Protein backbone atom coordinates (compact mmCIF):
# COMPACT_ATOMS: atom_id res chain seq x y z
CA MET A 1 13.92 -54.07 -32.04
CA THR A 2 11.25 -51.98 -34.28
CA SER A 3 12.69 -49.39 -36.36
CA LEU A 4 10.97 -46.20 -36.23
CA HIS A 5 11.07 -43.26 -38.58
CA PHE A 6 9.75 -40.20 -37.14
CA THR A 7 8.54 -37.60 -40.18
CA ASN A 8 7.14 -34.19 -41.07
CA ALA A 9 8.16 -32.94 -37.42
CA ARG A 10 9.24 -29.69 -36.34
CA LEU A 11 12.64 -31.05 -34.79
CA TYR A 12 14.35 -29.36 -31.40
CA LEU A 13 17.66 -29.48 -31.67
CA GLY A 14 18.94 -27.50 -28.71
CA ASP A 15 19.90 -23.93 -28.05
CA GLY A 16 16.69 -22.49 -29.73
CA VAL A 17 17.59 -24.45 -33.27
CA TRP A 18 14.32 -25.89 -35.04
CA ARG A 19 14.18 -27.20 -37.95
CA ASP A 20 11.77 -29.52 -40.18
CA GLY A 21 12.61 -32.96 -40.85
CA GLY A 22 12.49 -36.45 -39.49
CA VAL A 23 14.19 -38.59 -37.11
CA LEU A 24 15.30 -42.53 -37.93
CA VAL A 25 15.64 -44.92 -34.97
CA ARG A 26 17.34 -48.13 -35.01
CA ASP A 27 18.14 -50.31 -32.37
CA GLY A 28 17.36 -48.25 -29.81
CA ARG A 29 19.40 -45.41 -30.98
CA ILE A 30 18.74 -42.04 -33.21
CA ALA A 31 20.32 -43.53 -36.49
CA ALA A 32 19.87 -40.05 -38.40
CA VAL A 33 18.47 -36.64 -38.63
CA GLY A 34 17.40 -35.05 -41.41
CA ALA A 35 14.71 -34.32 -44.23
CA ASP A 36 12.57 -36.86 -44.98
CA ASP A 37 13.60 -37.66 -48.28
CA GLU A 38 16.83 -38.77 -47.21
CA LEU A 39 16.18 -40.42 -44.37
CA ALA A 40 13.72 -42.52 -46.51
CA ALA A 41 16.50 -44.07 -48.26
CA LEU A 42 18.27 -45.25 -45.31
CA ARG A 43 15.17 -46.90 -43.86
CA ASP A 44 15.12 -50.97 -43.05
CA PRO A 45 12.20 -52.92 -44.23
CA GLY A 46 9.66 -53.31 -41.77
CA THR A 47 10.08 -49.39 -40.36
CA GLU A 48 7.23 -48.21 -38.85
CA LEU A 49 6.44 -44.77 -39.87
CA ARG A 50 5.18 -42.24 -37.34
CA ASP A 51 3.61 -39.24 -39.30
CA ALA A 52 4.39 -36.21 -36.64
CA ALA A 53 1.44 -33.92 -38.64
CA GLY A 54 3.98 -31.06 -38.22
CA GLY A 55 4.06 -32.05 -34.51
CA SER A 56 7.22 -31.06 -32.44
CA LEU A 57 9.54 -33.52 -31.82
CA LEU A 58 12.12 -33.20 -29.07
CA PRO A 59 14.44 -35.28 -26.94
CA GLY A 60 12.50 -36.75 -23.85
CA PHE A 61 12.20 -34.64 -20.86
CA HIS A 62 14.13 -34.98 -18.04
CA ASP A 63 12.80 -33.90 -14.67
CA THR A 64 15.33 -33.44 -12.42
CA HIS A 65 13.34 -32.86 -9.16
CA VAL A 66 10.69 -35.21 -8.49
CA HIS A 67 9.47 -37.62 -5.86
CA PRO A 68 7.60 -40.58 -8.08
CA PRO A 69 6.99 -42.81 -4.89
CA MET A 70 5.39 -40.16 -2.90
CA ALA A 71 3.29 -39.10 -6.02
CA GLY A 72 2.56 -42.68 -7.13
CA SER A 73 1.44 -43.25 -3.28
CA SER A 74 -0.88 -40.74 -3.86
CA LEU A 75 -2.65 -42.21 -6.73
CA LEU A 76 -2.92 -45.80 -5.24
CA GLY A 77 -4.58 -44.12 -1.56
CA ILE A 78 -6.28 -40.92 -0.71
CA ASP A 79 -4.99 -38.35 -3.84
CA LEU A 80 -6.82 -35.09 -3.02
CA MET A 81 -4.14 -33.38 -5.72
CA PRO A 82 -7.30 -33.15 -8.64
CA ALA A 83 -9.40 -30.91 -6.25
CA HIS A 84 -9.02 -27.64 -4.53
CA ASP A 85 -12.15 -27.18 -2.39
CA ALA A 86 -12.05 -28.09 1.30
CA GLY A 87 -15.66 -29.88 1.21
CA GLU A 88 -14.49 -31.88 -1.77
CA TYR A 89 -11.23 -33.00 0.61
CA ARG A 90 -14.04 -33.96 3.32
CA ARG A 91 -16.12 -35.74 0.70
CA VAL A 92 -13.11 -37.79 -0.55
CA ILE A 93 -11.67 -38.71 2.73
CA ALA A 94 -15.12 -40.27 3.98
CA ALA A 95 -15.56 -42.04 1.09
CA TYR A 96 -11.98 -43.54 1.49
CA ALA A 97 -12.40 -44.20 4.99
CA ALA A 98 -15.83 -46.20 4.33
CA ALA A 99 -14.84 -47.87 1.74
CA HIS A 100 -11.69 -49.06 3.90
CA PRO A 101 -12.85 -50.54 7.07
CA GLU A 102 -9.80 -52.70 7.54
CA LEU A 103 -7.55 -49.88 7.74
CA ASP A 104 -6.18 -49.17 11.12
CA THR A 105 -4.72 -45.73 9.96
CA ILE A 106 -5.92 -43.87 6.99
CA VAL A 107 -3.26 -41.64 5.02
CA GLY A 108 -2.73 -39.83 1.71
CA VAL A 109 -1.84 -36.96 0.37
CA GLY A 110 -2.21 -33.60 -1.71
CA TRP A 111 -4.06 -30.76 0.50
CA TYR A 112 -3.65 -26.78 -0.38
CA GLY A 113 -3.52 -24.85 2.48
CA ASP A 114 -5.36 -22.05 0.47
CA VAL A 115 -8.71 -23.48 0.55
CA PHE A 116 -8.69 -22.86 4.67
CA PRO A 117 -9.30 -19.98 6.46
CA GLY A 118 -5.83 -18.81 7.76
CA GLY A 119 -4.19 -21.13 5.49
CA PHE A 120 -4.22 -24.48 7.73
CA PRO A 121 -7.08 -27.02 8.08
CA THR A 122 -7.84 -28.22 11.53
CA ARG A 123 -8.12 -31.40 13.07
CA GLU A 124 -12.26 -30.75 14.03
CA LEU A 125 -12.63 -30.91 10.29
CA LEU A 126 -11.06 -34.24 9.89
CA ASP A 127 -12.79 -35.28 13.23
CA GLU A 128 -16.40 -34.93 11.81
CA VAL A 129 -15.36 -37.21 9.01
CA VAL A 130 -13.00 -39.98 10.47
CA PRO A 131 -13.37 -39.71 14.37
CA ASP A 132 -12.57 -43.48 15.15
CA ARG A 133 -9.09 -43.77 13.48
CA PRO A 134 -5.96 -42.11 13.08
CA VAL A 135 -5.95 -39.78 9.86
CA ILE A 136 -2.24 -38.82 8.43
CA LEU A 137 -2.68 -36.42 5.48
CA THR A 138 0.48 -35.18 3.76
CA SER A 139 0.00 -31.53 1.91
CA HIS A 140 0.71 -31.55 -1.58
CA ASP A 141 4.19 -29.75 -1.22
CA GLY A 142 5.10 -32.43 1.38
CA HIS A 143 6.19 -29.78 4.35
CA GLY A 144 2.70 -30.52 6.35
CA VAL A 145 0.69 -33.01 8.22
CA TRP A 146 -3.12 -33.02 8.85
CA VAL A 147 -4.15 -34.97 11.38
CA ASN A 148 -7.16 -35.53 13.41
CA SER A 149 -7.35 -35.84 17.34
CA ARG A 150 -7.40 -39.33 17.37
CA ALA A 151 -4.09 -39.41 15.45
CA LEU A 152 -2.55 -36.76 18.18
CA GLU A 153 -3.87 -39.39 20.78
CA ALA A 154 -1.89 -42.77 19.47
CA ALA A 155 1.07 -40.55 18.90
CA GLY A 156 0.73 -39.19 22.52
CA VAL A 157 1.38 -35.54 20.92
CA ARG A 158 0.04 -33.18 23.63
CA ASP A 159 -0.65 -29.17 23.47
CA ASP A 160 2.62 -28.91 25.67
CA VAL A 161 5.20 -30.64 22.85
CA ALA A 162 7.96 -28.28 21.98
CA ASP A 163 8.52 -27.23 18.36
CA PRO A 164 11.99 -29.40 17.18
CA LEU A 165 14.62 -27.50 14.77
CA GLY A 166 13.26 -27.28 11.58
CA GLY A 167 9.70 -27.90 12.48
CA ARG A 168 6.38 -26.40 14.02
CA PHE A 169 3.14 -27.60 15.60
CA VAL A 170 0.41 -25.10 14.59
CA ARG A 171 -1.42 -23.96 17.27
CA ASP A 172 -4.51 -21.82 17.79
CA ALA A 173 -4.47 -18.35 19.69
CA ALA A 174 -4.97 -20.82 23.09
CA GLY A 175 -2.11 -22.55 22.52
CA ARG A 176 -3.76 -25.87 21.41
CA LEU A 177 -2.57 -28.07 18.77
CA THR A 178 -4.65 -27.24 15.58
CA GLY A 179 -3.73 -30.91 14.06
CA VAL A 180 -1.11 -29.36 11.45
CA LEU A 181 2.55 -30.47 11.80
CA LEU A 182 5.07 -28.69 9.70
CA ASP A 183 8.35 -30.10 8.24
CA THR A 184 10.23 -32.07 10.96
CA ALA A 185 7.54 -32.10 13.58
CA VAL A 186 6.03 -34.66 11.63
CA GLN A 187 8.74 -37.20 12.93
CA ALA A 188 6.26 -37.20 16.14
CA LEU A 189 3.93 -39.28 14.23
CA ALA A 190 6.76 -41.90 13.34
CA ALA A 191 5.26 -44.31 15.53
CA ILE A 192 1.65 -44.49 14.19
CA THR A 193 2.56 -44.40 10.59
CA PRO A 194 1.95 -47.56 9.07
CA PRO A 195 4.72 -49.19 6.69
CA PRO A 196 3.74 -49.52 3.42
CA PRO A 197 3.22 -53.24 2.60
CA PRO A 198 5.44 -55.50 0.64
CA GLY A 199 5.37 -54.40 -2.67
CA PHE A 200 3.46 -50.96 -2.34
CA LEU A 201 6.52 -48.57 -3.27
CA GLU A 202 7.51 -50.60 -6.29
CA GLU A 203 3.79 -50.49 -7.22
CA ALA A 204 3.70 -46.80 -6.42
CA ILE A 205 6.71 -46.16 -8.46
CA LEU A 206 5.22 -47.71 -11.38
CA ALA A 207 1.95 -45.67 -11.26
CA ALA A 208 4.07 -42.82 -11.11
CA GLN A 209 6.15 -43.95 -13.98
CA GLN A 210 2.86 -43.94 -16.24
CA ARG A 211 2.26 -40.43 -15.33
CA LEU A 212 5.46 -38.99 -15.98
CA HIS A 213 5.48 -40.79 -19.24
CA SER A 214 2.22 -39.36 -20.53
CA VAL A 215 3.60 -36.39 -20.27
CA GLY A 216 6.74 -36.94 -22.04
CA ILE A 217 9.33 -37.51 -19.40
CA THR A 218 11.84 -40.48 -20.14
CA THR A 219 14.62 -39.49 -17.12
CA TRP A 220 13.96 -38.62 -13.60
CA HIS A 221 15.99 -37.45 -10.46
CA ASP A 222 13.98 -38.87 -7.29
CA ALA A 223 14.94 -36.49 -5.29
CA ALA A 224 14.73 -38.06 -1.73
CA VAL A 225 15.46 -41.81 -2.06
CA GLY A 226 16.27 -43.09 1.80
CA ALA A 227 14.42 -43.00 4.87
CA SER A 228 13.32 -39.36 5.72
CA GLU A 229 10.62 -37.45 6.87
CA LEU A 230 9.17 -37.27 3.16
CA GLY A 231 8.63 -41.02 2.92
CA PRO A 232 10.23 -44.54 3.53
CA ASP A 233 13.38 -45.52 1.82
CA SER A 234 12.57 -46.67 -2.14
CA PHE A 235 16.22 -47.35 -3.01
CA ASP A 236 15.64 -51.61 -3.41
CA SER A 237 12.31 -51.36 -4.65
CA TYR A 238 14.02 -49.18 -7.74
CA LEU A 239 16.39 -51.90 -8.11
CA ALA A 240 13.73 -54.65 -7.82
CA LEU A 241 11.99 -52.76 -10.59
CA ALA A 242 15.11 -52.47 -12.79
CA ALA A 243 15.96 -55.99 -12.53
CA ARG A 244 12.24 -57.38 -13.56
CA GLY A 245 12.62 -54.60 -16.76
CA GLU A 246 9.54 -52.98 -15.06
CA LEU A 247 11.77 -49.60 -14.65
CA THR A 248 11.19 -48.33 -18.20
CA ALA A 249 12.60 -44.83 -17.50
CA ARG A 250 16.19 -43.49 -16.56
CA ALA A 251 16.23 -42.83 -12.89
CA VAL A 252 18.94 -40.77 -11.04
CA LEU A 253 18.48 -41.61 -7.28
CA CYS A 254 19.66 -38.76 -4.99
CA GLN A 255 20.16 -40.26 -1.89
CA TRP A 256 19.22 -38.75 0.93
CA TRP A 257 21.42 -36.87 3.94
CA ASP A 258 20.26 -38.13 7.34
CA ARG A 259 20.84 -34.90 9.55
CA ASP A 260 21.06 -37.07 12.74
CA ARG A 261 23.90 -38.87 11.25
CA GLY A 262 27.42 -37.62 10.41
CA LEU A 263 30.07 -37.90 7.80
CA GLU A 264 30.50 -41.45 8.90
CA GLN A 265 27.32 -42.44 6.55
CA VAL A 266 29.41 -41.36 3.53
CA ASP A 267 30.39 -44.87 3.44
CA ASP A 268 27.15 -46.20 3.06
CA LEU A 269 26.05 -43.82 0.07
CA ILE A 270 29.13 -45.09 -1.36
CA ALA A 271 28.09 -48.79 -1.24
CA ARG A 272 24.87 -47.74 -2.63
CA ARG A 273 26.32 -46.02 -5.55
CA ALA A 274 28.14 -48.78 -6.57
CA ARG A 275 25.17 -51.25 -6.12
CA ALA A 276 23.08 -48.75 -8.41
CA ALA A 277 25.87 -48.46 -11.19
CA GLU A 278 25.68 -52.12 -11.99
CA VAL A 279 22.00 -51.59 -13.17
CA PRO A 280 21.63 -50.13 -16.74
CA GLY A 281 19.34 -47.10 -16.54
CA LEU A 282 20.21 -46.11 -12.66
CA SER A 283 22.85 -44.29 -10.98
CA ALA A 284 23.03 -42.92 -7.63
CA GLY A 285 26.01 -40.57 -7.14
CA VAL A 286 23.72 -37.64 -6.26
CA VAL A 287 23.12 -36.82 -2.80
CA LYS A 288 20.15 -34.39 -1.66
CA ILE A 289 20.43 -32.09 1.66
CA MET A 290 17.84 -30.44 2.90
CA GLN A 291 18.99 -26.86 4.58
CA ASP A 292 15.52 -25.17 5.10
CA GLY A 293 11.91 -25.66 4.82
CA VAL A 294 9.28 -23.17 3.05
CA ILE A 295 8.73 -19.83 3.47
CA GLU A 296 4.94 -20.64 4.15
CA ASN A 297 5.61 -22.53 7.25
CA HIS A 298 8.21 -19.80 8.42
CA THR A 299 10.91 -22.28 7.86
CA GLY A 300 12.50 -21.13 5.16
CA ALA A 301 15.76 -19.48 5.88
CA LEU A 302 16.05 -15.75 5.70
CA LEU A 303 18.95 -12.90 6.22
CA GLU A 304 16.35 -10.68 7.51
CA GLU A 305 13.49 -11.67 9.44
CA TYR A 306 9.65 -12.23 8.10
CA ALA A 307 7.91 -9.25 7.21
CA ASP A 308 5.02 -9.99 9.13
CA GLY A 309 5.98 -9.63 13.09
CA SER A 310 6.74 -12.70 14.23
CA GLY A 311 10.72 -11.86 14.70
CA GLU A 312 11.42 -15.37 13.14
CA ARG A 313 14.16 -15.91 10.28
CA GLY A 314 13.89 -19.56 9.56
CA ASP A 315 15.95 -22.13 10.61
CA SER A 316 19.33 -23.51 9.24
CA PHE A 317 18.51 -27.30 9.10
CA ILE A 318 22.57 -27.70 9.35
CA PRO A 319 25.06 -25.14 10.98
CA PRO A 320 26.58 -23.49 8.05
CA GLU A 321 29.76 -24.63 9.17
CA GLN A 322 29.10 -28.37 9.20
CA LEU A 323 27.50 -27.68 5.61
CA LYS A 324 30.50 -26.94 4.52
CA THR A 325 32.52 -29.88 5.95
CA ILE A 326 29.48 -32.63 4.34
CA VAL A 327 29.68 -31.06 0.96
CA ALA A 328 33.52 -30.54 0.59
CA GLU A 329 33.85 -34.17 1.88
CA LEU A 330 31.05 -35.41 -0.75
CA ASP A 331 32.68 -33.67 -3.26
CA ALA A 332 36.06 -34.80 -2.30
CA ARG A 333 34.37 -38.79 -2.73
CA GLY A 334 32.73 -38.01 -6.30
CA PHE A 335 29.34 -37.00 -5.40
CA ASP A 336 27.03 -34.16 -6.79
CA VAL A 337 25.12 -32.23 -4.09
CA HIS A 338 21.74 -31.46 -4.90
CA LEU A 339 20.64 -29.29 -2.34
CA HIS A 340 17.12 -27.88 -1.16
CA ALA A 341 17.13 -23.93 -0.36
CA VAL A 342 14.20 -21.79 -0.40
CA GLY A 343 15.14 -18.44 1.53
CA ASP A 344 18.15 -15.98 0.79
CA ARG A 345 19.86 -17.33 3.84
CA ALA A 346 19.92 -20.72 2.73
CA VAL A 347 21.15 -20.10 -0.94
CA ARG A 348 23.77 -18.39 0.70
CA GLU A 349 24.91 -20.92 3.21
CA CYS A 350 24.51 -23.59 0.52
CA LEU A 351 26.79 -21.27 -2.02
CA ASP A 352 29.62 -20.96 0.72
CA ALA A 353 29.58 -24.59 1.09
CA VAL A 354 30.15 -25.28 -2.38
CA ALA A 355 32.66 -22.39 -2.57
CA HIS A 356 34.63 -24.08 0.19
CA ALA A 357 34.32 -27.47 -1.59
CA ARG A 358 35.75 -25.68 -4.51
CA THR A 359 38.39 -24.21 -2.48
CA VAL A 360 39.82 -27.35 -0.74
CA ASN A 361 38.90 -29.91 -3.52
CA GLY A 362 40.10 -27.83 -6.70
CA PRO A 363 37.49 -26.13 -9.65
CA ASP A 364 36.61 -29.34 -11.46
CA GLY A 365 34.43 -31.07 -8.91
CA GLY A 366 30.79 -32.46 -8.84
CA ARG A 367 28.12 -30.67 -10.89
CA HIS A 368 25.87 -29.28 -7.61
CA GLN A 369 22.69 -27.83 -8.05
CA LEU A 370 20.48 -25.51 -5.77
CA ALA A 371 16.58 -26.17 -6.13
CA HIS A 372 13.56 -24.29 -5.63
CA LEU A 373 15.36 -20.76 -4.91
CA ASP A 374 12.15 -18.73 -4.12
CA VAL A 375 14.44 -15.78 -3.08
CA VAL A 376 18.26 -15.29 -3.78
CA ASP A 377 19.86 -12.15 -2.96
CA PRO A 378 21.24 -9.85 -5.50
CA ALA A 379 24.56 -10.58 -4.27
CA ASP A 380 24.37 -13.83 -5.24
CA PHE A 381 23.39 -14.19 -8.34
CA ASP A 382 26.72 -13.90 -10.14
CA ARG A 383 27.86 -16.79 -7.41
CA PHE A 384 26.20 -19.72 -9.67
CA ALA A 385 28.04 -18.88 -12.60
CA ALA A 386 31.25 -18.25 -10.68
CA LEU A 387 31.09 -21.66 -8.79
CA ASP A 388 29.45 -23.60 -11.55
CA VAL A 389 26.48 -24.07 -9.40
CA THR A 390 23.32 -25.12 -11.58
CA ALA A 391 19.57 -23.57 -10.64
CA ASN A 392 16.95 -26.12 -10.21
CA ALA A 393 14.16 -24.10 -10.89
CA GLN A 394 10.38 -25.04 -10.54
CA LEU A 395 9.04 -23.21 -13.01
CA LEU A 396 5.76 -23.82 -12.32
CA TRP A 397 5.37 -21.80 -9.09
CA ALA A 398 6.44 -19.00 -10.57
CA ARG A 399 2.71 -17.10 -10.77
CA THR A 400 0.31 -15.10 -8.52
CA ASP A 401 -1.77 -17.88 -6.94
CA THR A 402 -4.05 -16.62 -4.09
CA GLU A 403 -1.59 -18.82 -1.66
CA ILE A 404 1.24 -16.71 -2.79
CA VAL A 405 -0.02 -12.96 -3.29
CA GLU A 406 -2.49 -13.24 0.20
CA ARG A 407 0.02 -15.15 2.26
CA LYS A 408 3.22 -15.58 1.16
CA LEU A 409 4.32 -12.30 -0.14
CA PRO A 410 3.09 -10.24 2.87
CA MET A 411 5.51 -12.47 4.94
CA MET A 412 8.53 -11.88 2.35
CA GLY A 413 7.84 -7.92 2.64
CA HIS A 414 8.07 -5.88 -0.43
CA ASP A 415 11.71 -5.99 -1.08
CA ARG A 416 12.12 -9.77 -0.97
CA ALA A 417 8.85 -9.89 -2.99
CA THR A 418 10.39 -8.23 -5.89
CA ARG A 419 12.81 -11.12 -6.38
CA HIS A 420 10.58 -13.92 -5.85
CA PHE A 421 11.63 -16.75 -8.06
CA PRO A 422 14.07 -14.74 -9.92
CA PHE A 423 14.70 -16.97 -12.75
CA GLU A 424 15.74 -14.67 -15.28
CA SER A 425 17.94 -12.65 -13.07
CA LEU A 426 19.57 -15.69 -12.40
CA ARG A 427 20.07 -16.37 -16.34
CA ARG A 428 21.29 -12.74 -17.23
CA HIS A 429 23.96 -13.38 -14.42
CA GLY A 430 25.30 -16.82 -16.53
CA ALA A 431 23.36 -19.36 -14.31
CA ARG A 432 22.77 -22.73 -15.74
CA ILE A 433 19.09 -23.72 -15.25
CA VAL A 434 17.17 -26.98 -15.71
CA GLY A 435 13.51 -27.83 -14.52
CA GLY A 436 12.02 -30.34 -12.23
CA SER A 437 8.34 -30.52 -10.96
CA ASP A 438 8.80 -31.53 -7.33
CA TRP A 439 5.68 -33.45 -8.22
CA PRO A 440 3.52 -34.34 -6.00
CA VAL A 441 4.14 -30.90 -4.88
CA SER A 442 2.74 -29.45 -8.20
CA ASP A 443 1.78 -31.06 -11.46
CA PRO A 444 4.97 -33.18 -13.32
CA ASN A 445 3.79 -31.76 -16.99
CA PRO A 446 6.97 -30.21 -18.34
CA LEU A 447 4.67 -28.14 -21.10
CA TRP A 448 2.60 -26.33 -18.14
CA ALA A 449 6.13 -25.43 -16.50
CA MET A 450 7.83 -24.37 -19.65
CA HIS A 451 4.35 -22.11 -20.06
CA THR A 452 4.68 -20.42 -16.40
CA GLY A 453 8.48 -20.20 -16.89
CA THR A 454 8.24 -18.08 -20.10
CA THR A 455 4.96 -16.14 -19.16
CA ARG A 456 4.97 -16.29 -15.21
CA LEU A 457 1.21 -16.95 -15.73
CA ALA A 458 -0.54 -20.25 -14.55
CA PRO A 459 -1.53 -22.82 -17.42
CA SER A 460 -4.98 -22.30 -18.06
CA THR A 461 -6.16 -25.78 -17.79
CA ASP A 462 -4.48 -25.98 -14.28
CA PRO A 463 -7.05 -26.81 -11.76
CA HIS A 464 -5.11 -25.30 -9.27
CA ALA A 465 -4.46 -21.45 -10.74
CA THR A 466 -6.16 -19.24 -8.29
CA GLY A 467 -6.68 -15.55 -7.92
CA GLN A 468 -4.88 -13.67 -10.59
CA ALA A 469 -2.77 -16.54 -11.99
CA LEU A 470 -4.22 -16.77 -15.15
CA THR A 471 -4.07 -12.73 -16.03
CA GLU A 472 -1.46 -10.78 -13.77
CA PRO A 473 2.45 -12.16 -14.38
CA LEU A 474 4.52 -12.53 -11.49
CA LEU A 475 7.38 -10.08 -11.93
CA ALA A 476 6.99 -10.56 -15.84
CA ALA A 477 10.68 -9.09 -16.30
CA GLU A 478 11.53 -12.50 -14.57
CA ALA A 479 9.98 -14.98 -17.51
CA LEU A 480 12.85 -16.92 -19.08
CA PRO A 481 13.31 -17.03 -23.10
CA LEU A 482 11.81 -20.17 -25.00
CA ALA A 483 15.12 -21.68 -25.56
CA THR A 484 16.02 -21.76 -21.93
CA VAL A 485 13.16 -23.45 -20.96
CA LEU A 486 13.47 -26.25 -23.42
CA ASP A 487 16.94 -27.06 -22.46
CA ALA A 488 16.21 -26.88 -18.93
CA TYR A 489 14.28 -30.34 -19.86
CA THR A 490 16.51 -31.48 -22.28
CA GLY A 491 20.47 -30.94 -23.04
CA THR A 492 20.89 -29.15 -19.89
CA ALA A 493 19.27 -31.61 -17.69
CA ALA A 494 21.02 -34.09 -19.26
CA TRP A 495 24.16 -32.18 -18.12
CA VAL A 496 23.26 -32.36 -14.89
CA GLY A 497 22.58 -35.49 -14.54
CA ARG A 498 25.87 -36.59 -16.23
CA VAL A 499 24.41 -38.63 -19.32
CA GLU A 500 24.77 -35.32 -21.96
CA GLY A 501 27.06 -37.58 -23.94
CA ALA A 502 24.04 -40.47 -24.21
CA THR A 503 20.79 -38.78 -24.17
CA GLY A 504 19.28 -34.91 -24.22
CA ARG A 505 19.26 -34.20 -27.88
CA LEU A 506 18.37 -34.99 -31.34
CA ALA A 507 21.42 -36.52 -32.80
CA ALA A 508 22.60 -39.45 -34.14
CA GLY A 509 24.06 -41.97 -32.11
CA TYR A 510 22.18 -40.89 -29.19
CA ALA A 511 19.32 -42.68 -27.40
CA ALA A 512 16.19 -42.67 -28.85
CA ASP A 513 14.60 -40.89 -26.26
CA LEU A 514 11.91 -38.80 -27.70
CA VAL A 515 8.52 -36.98 -27.08
CA LEU A 516 6.02 -35.93 -29.98
CA LEU A 517 3.42 -33.44 -29.46
CA ASP A 518 0.53 -32.89 -31.18
CA ARG A 519 1.22 -29.61 -32.13
CA ASP A 520 4.36 -26.68 -32.76
CA ILE A 521 5.63 -25.30 -30.26
CA SER A 522 8.48 -23.27 -31.65
CA ASP A 523 6.79 -20.25 -31.28
CA GLY A 524 6.72 -20.51 -27.89
CA ARG A 525 2.41 -20.36 -28.00
CA GLY A 526 0.04 -23.19 -27.00
CA LEU A 527 2.49 -24.90 -24.52
CA ASP A 528 -0.30 -25.22 -21.56
CA THR A 529 -2.89 -27.02 -24.04
CA ALA A 530 0.13 -28.84 -25.97
CA ARG A 531 -0.46 -32.95 -25.37
CA VAL A 532 1.77 -35.72 -25.59
CA VAL A 533 1.30 -37.77 -28.46
CA GLU A 534 4.15 -40.37 -28.28
CA THR A 535 6.83 -41.29 -25.59
CA VAL A 536 9.87 -43.33 -26.72
CA VAL A 537 12.63 -44.59 -24.46
CA ALA A 538 15.55 -46.48 -25.98
CA GLY A 539 13.13 -47.05 -29.19
CA VAL A 540 10.43 -48.33 -27.57
CA THR A 541 7.22 -46.33 -27.14
CA VAL A 542 5.94 -46.31 -23.46
CA HIS A 543 3.51 -44.10 -23.97
CA ARG A 544 0.97 -43.29 -26.94
CA ALA A 545 -1.93 -41.21 -26.74
């Protein structure tokens, strides 16, 4: 294995500490960190030199909440993510359909609701470009599906269909289906959604891996491994890629909790955990539980009614007492639990469940985390630290995009809007913060997330920055310190993934998982325009610009 010496770098050592110098890599590990002249004396013959030219060298980034199979699928099929225009969506869809007459069903991902009047597209818009075959397009956030009339007909879904628990069929004023299905309602399309062809999920993961490495990510947590409304089961695909040596990242597989089953599934989860543990670079000791949906769809679970007069409070996907039993059992069986909690009621229910687990099992159990945290009641700020629960923050979301200002905040009402993505409040109350992109919901670039996390503004190069997002911060007082966001993607993320002794730091003996940037970011400026020059996993370069 080639030895490397990164020289002339600004080194991030964690906890806000920077120094000038270099890193010497040997046999896949960091051999030494220090002054360049000292390291030069330690170099072996044939060591490759990398002049950082004053750029920052950091531990490789960890994305602790991402969906590579779904994101990679979009890269291999209809990918609407690069666009932010309804007309461009239809052009891409029509071109793809014309290029693939052999497909019985057209599928894709990536649309944004705020480009359509009222926040949702309609089936008629799809009927005009693809009238003859079902079209099934997942929204960028994975919580909605846009279909044409042919898809509804093929699935046997009519206007009189009832809304399921945790989901909704969007209807017009006359009660007619518009062609948008939210959250669990998408299960009505299961019979007509084509299964991926053999090998497709592996191709999708590899496509996603290439993109993730290009933005400096060396470890990721796949937040939905198992058959679900978010997609097919990718567990065996990960194992196959790892066995062939094609999975160059480290991956934490968060196993999906099937809400239609009970505690009997725990034995299956344990068996899978054991299988993954036999594969270097993989682990499956985390279980993912969805407790609510999203505020934009009225499926986010709130303590008080939505402020738009709907009279709704959102659904708890799992009854709170049942959730307590589930989390306690998983905790007792050695699992960490990763809970989706958007609304303040869902946050409280999840915290209550962890509190119950701590009570019955003792305080030294799982490294549990709550993801998203769009709204948190101030009474619960202290509970994250008290219960040792990590806040998994999607930092890139905390900005004044049009969809948030014109649609989401009015739903929330003034009081809740003043604590929208309260990440700094949580930190001040002692919460541990880690970063996750939720890609393909939003871009996976950690540097963009760090920019928004520290400014509450959108990155200047983000095509989805709309409205005031570039100029008006979303609750500027909730901006995080630079050290917090850096650690959220490095050392703190390594801790929540249980690899803090192996990666996440620039220190001798740690895995040589590194990311080199084209500039010095130690003052926090230029995060949104900084570029990754090189990404290294276990001493092997996996991306080089």
